[in-house]
Amino acid sequence: MALTPAQLQAAAYVPAGAAPQFTATSVSYIRTIILHNTDAAPRVVTLWNVPNGGAAGGANQFVLVTLAAYQTGTYEWKPPGIVMGTVGDYIEGKADVGNKVTIQMYGFTT
């Protein structure tokens, strides 16, 4: 199985309502997630790793962070990273205020 390095999610704003930020179209491995607060006020961001057909909840939440004004948070995982093993698995995210925090994801696809 060959792995291809990929930008899994180009920079985009995290919405105020929970919504998919990246959906696996093949087996994918997330190694890095970058969150950046573009606002002058602190912002809270929540991320969930949701299996295909599942729902976001406490059991699959993996990031809950308050980013200070203009702060960037970089989250990196050792290999293999966050494994999106089934097509349709997704990362869901929300921010306390929409269009203030950006998200980018990098990793590998098969």
C-alpha atoms as a PDB file:
ATOM      1  CA  MET A   1       0.000   0.000   0.000  1.00  0.00           C
ATOM      2  CA  ALA A   2       1.568   3.259  -1.152  1.00  0.00           C
ATOM      3  CA  LEU A   3       0.965   6.383   0.882  1.00  0.00           C
ATOM      4  CA  THR A   4       0.712   9.754  -0.830  1.00  0.00           C
ATOM      5  CA  PRO A   5       1.448  12.934   1.157  1.00  0.00           C
ATOM      6  CA  ALA A   6      -1.542  15.267   0.929  1.00  0.00           C
ATOM      7  CA  GLN A   7      -3.043  18.500   2.103  1.00  0.00           C
ATOM      8  CA  LEU A   8      -6.264  16.936   3.336  1.00  0.00           C
ATOM      9  CA  GLN A   9      -8.007  20.234   4.086  1.00  0.00           C
ATOM     10  CA  ALA A  10      -6.979  23.576   2.617  1.00  0.00           C
ATOM     11  CA  ALA A  11      -7.304  26.554   4.962  1.00  0.00           C
ATOM     12  CA  ALA A  12     -10.992  27.209   5.622  1.00  0.00           C
ATOM     13  CA  TYR A  13     -13.022  28.829   8.359  1.00  0.00           C
ATOM     14  CA  VAL A  14     -14.510  26.643  11.087  1.00  0.00           C
ATOM     15  CA  PRO A  15     -18.266  27.402  11.334  1.00  0.00           C
ATOM     16  CA  ALA A  16     -20.221  28.218  14.504  1.00  0.00           C
ATOM     17  CA  GLY A  17     -22.413  25.164  13.958  1.00  0.00           C
ATOM     18  CA  ALA A  18     -20.797  21.725  13.963  1.00  0.00           C
ATOM     19  CA  ALA A  19     -19.992  20.632  10.405  1.00  0.00           C
ATOM     20  CA  PRO A  20     -17.620  18.209   8.632  1.00  0.00           C
ATOM     21  CA  GLN A  21     -14.171  19.735   8.046  1.00  0.00           C
ATOM     22  CA  PHE A  22     -12.650  16.743   6.225  1.00  0.00           C
ATOM     23  CA  THR A  23     -14.342  13.595   4.919  1.00  0.00           C
ATOM     24  CA  ALA A  24     -12.229  10.599   3.916  1.00  0.00           C
ATOM     25  CA  THR A  25     -12.678   9.527   0.281  1.00  0.00           C
ATOM     26  CA  SER A  26     -10.037   6.816   0.765  1.00  0.00           C
ATOM     27  CA  VAL A  27      -8.125   5.485   3.771  1.00  0.00           C
ATOM     28  CA  SER A  28      -6.438   8.594   5.159  1.00  0.00           C
ATOM     29  CA  TYR A  29      -3.984   9.373   7.940  1.00  0.00           C
ATOM     30  CA  ILE A  30      -4.089  12.813   9.560  1.00  0.00           C
ATOM     31  CA  ARG A  31      -0.693  13.785  10.907  1.00  0.00           C
ATOM     32  CA  THR A  32      -1.096  17.555  11.421  1.00  0.00           C
ATOM     33  CA  ILE A  33      -3.983  19.920  12.126  1.00  0.00           C
ATOM     34  CA  ILE A  34      -3.378  23.666  12.254  1.00  0.00           C
ATOM     35  CA  LEU A  35      -5.922  25.994  13.866  1.00  0.00           C
ATOM     36  CA  HIS A  36      -5.491  29.781  13.662  1.00  0.00           C
ATOM     37  CA  ASN A  37      -7.598  32.407  15.421  1.00  0.00           C
ATOM     38  CA  THR A  38      -7.899  35.427  13.105  1.00  0.00           C
ATOM     39  CA  ASP A  39      -9.861  37.424  15.690  1.00  0.00           C
ATOM     40  CA  ALA A  40      -8.832  39.955  18.355  1.00  0.00           C
ATOM     41  CA  ALA A  41     -10.782  37.936  20.949  1.00  0.00           C
ATOM     42  CA  PRO A  42     -10.188  34.398  22.274  1.00  0.00           C
ATOM     43  CA  ARG A  43     -12.100  31.673  20.386  1.00  0.00           C
ATOM     44  CA  VAL A  44     -13.054  28.123  21.416  1.00  0.00           C
ATOM     45  CA  VAL A  45     -12.757  25.276  18.888  1.00  0.00           C
ATOM     46  CA  THR A  46     -13.977  21.681  19.217  1.00  0.00           C
ATOM     47  CA  LEU A  47     -13.077  18.784  16.892  1.00  0.00           C
ATOM     48  CA  TRP A  48     -14.497  15.262  16.703  1.00  0.00           C
ATOM     49  CA  ASN A  49     -13.294  12.134  14.853  1.00  0.00           C
ATOM     50  CA  VAL A  50     -16.596  10.684  13.608  1.00  0.00           C
ATOM     51  CA  PRO A  51     -16.935   7.228  12.047  1.00  0.00           C
ATOM     52  CA  ASN A  52     -19.000   6.832   8.890  1.00  0.00           C
ATOM     53  CA  GLY A  53     -22.650   6.704   9.979  1.00  0.00           C
ATOM     54  CA  GLY A  54     -21.801   7.968  13.469  1.00  0.00           C
ATOM     55  CA  ALA A  55     -22.329  11.231  15.287  1.00  0.00           C
ATOM     56  CA  ALA A  56     -20.112  13.686  17.127  1.00  0.00           C
ATOM     57  CA  GLY A  57     -20.100  13.229  20.895  1.00  0.00           C
ATOM     58  CA  GLY A  58     -17.990  13.001  24.001  1.00  0.00           C
ATOM     59  CA  ALA A  59     -16.557   9.613  23.048  1.00  0.00           C
ATOM     60  CA  ASN A  60     -14.989  10.890  19.803  1.00  0.00           C
ATOM     61  CA  GLN A  61     -14.061  14.463  20.768  1.00  0.00           C
ATOM     62  CA  PHE A  62     -10.295  14.907  20.546  1.00  0.00           C
ATOM     63  CA  VAL A  63      -9.693  18.673  20.588  1.00  0.00           C
ATOM     64  CA  LEU A  64     -11.298  21.311  22.794  1.00  0.00           C
ATOM     65  CA  VAL A  65      -9.123  24.395  22.888  1.00  0.00           C
ATOM     66  CA  THR A  66      -9.362  28.101  23.558  1.00  0.00           C
ATOM     67  CA  LEU A  67      -7.094  29.989  21.178  1.00  0.00           C
ATOM     68  CA  ALA A  68      -5.969  33.437  22.337  1.00  0.00           C
ATOM     69  CA  ALA A  69      -6.305  36.392  19.974  1.00  0.00           C
ATOM     70  CA  TYR A  70      -4.328  35.703  16.787  1.00  0.00           C
ATOM     71  CA  GLN A  71      -2.915  32.463  18.242  1.00  0.00           C
ATOM     72  CA  THR A  72      -2.048  29.424  16.126  1.00  0.00           C
ATOM     73  CA  GLY A  73      -2.341  25.916  17.509  1.00  0.00           C
ATOM     74  CA  THR A  74      -0.525  23.065  15.774  1.00  0.00           C
ATOM     75  CA  TYR A  75      -1.469  19.486  16.625  1.00  0.00           C
ATOM     76  CA  GLU A  76       0.743  16.651  15.416  1.00  0.00           C
ATOM     77  CA  TRP A  77       0.348  12.899  15.857  1.00  0.00           C
ATOM     78  CA  LYS A  78       3.027  10.220  15.612  1.00  0.00           C
ATOM     79  CA  PRO A  79       2.647   7.731  12.738  1.00  0.00           C
ATOM     80  CA  PRO A  80       0.263   6.511  11.674  1.00  0.00           C
ATOM     81  CA  GLY A  81      -1.651   9.562  12.934  1.00  0.00           C
ATOM     82  CA  ILE A  82      -5.428   9.734  13.178  1.00  0.00           C
ATOM     83  CA  VAL A  83      -6.568   6.827  11.018  1.00  0.00           C
ATOM     84  CA  MET A  84      -9.605   7.469   8.854  1.00  0.00           C
ATOM     85  CA  GLY A  85      -9.986   3.798   7.966  1.00  0.00           C
ATOM     86  CA  THR A  86     -13.373   3.844   6.272  1.00  0.00           C
ATOM     87  CA  VAL A  87     -14.538   5.979   3.365  1.00  0.00           C
ATOM     88  CA  GLY A  88     -16.976   8.446   4.875  1.00  0.00           C
ATOM     89  CA  ASP A  89     -15.196   8.825   8.226  1.00  0.00           C
ATOM     90  CA  TYR A  90     -14.896  12.538   8.958  1.00  0.00           C
ATOM     91  CA  ILE A  91     -13.521  15.244  11.216  1.00  0.00           C
ATOM     92  CA  GLU A  92     -16.282  17.509  12.473  1.00  0.00           C
ATOM     93  CA  GLY A  93     -15.571  20.917  13.935  1.00  0.00           C
ATOM     94  CA  LYS A  94     -17.195  23.980  15.392  1.00  0.00           C
ATOM     95  CA  ALA A  95     -16.073  27.284  16.825  1.00  0.00           C
ATOM     96  CA  ASP A  96     -17.856  29.481  19.357  1.00  0.00           C
ATOM     97  CA  VAL A  97     -18.066  32.164  16.627  1.00  0.00           C
ATOM     98  CA  GLY A  98     -17.999  31.280  12.940  1.00  0.00           C
ATOM     99  CA  ASN A  99     -15.534  32.642  10.386  1.00  0.00           C
ATOM    100  CA  LYS A 100     -12.903  33.548  12.982  1.00  0.00           C
ATOM    101  CA  VAL A 101     -10.764  30.381  13.226  1.00  0.00           C
ATOM    102  CA  THR A 102      -9.178  28.637  10.238  1.00  0.00           C
ATOM    103  CA  ILE A 103      -8.327  24.954   9.996  1.00  0.00           C
ATOM    104  CA  GLN A 104      -5.845  23.086   7.785  1.00  0.00           C
ATOM    105  CA  MET A 105      -5.066  19.363   7.768  1.00  0.00           C
ATOM    106  CA  TYR A 106      -2.096  17.454   6.379  1.00  0.00           C
ATOM    107  CA  GLY A 107      -1.310  13.767   6.188  1.00  0.00           C
ATOM    108  CA  PHE A 108      -1.388  10.831   3.794  1.00  0.00           C
ATOM    109  CA  THR A 109      -3.899   9.032   1.605  1.00  0.00           C
ATOM    110  CA  THR A 110      -3.817   5.559   0.061  1.00  0.00           C
END
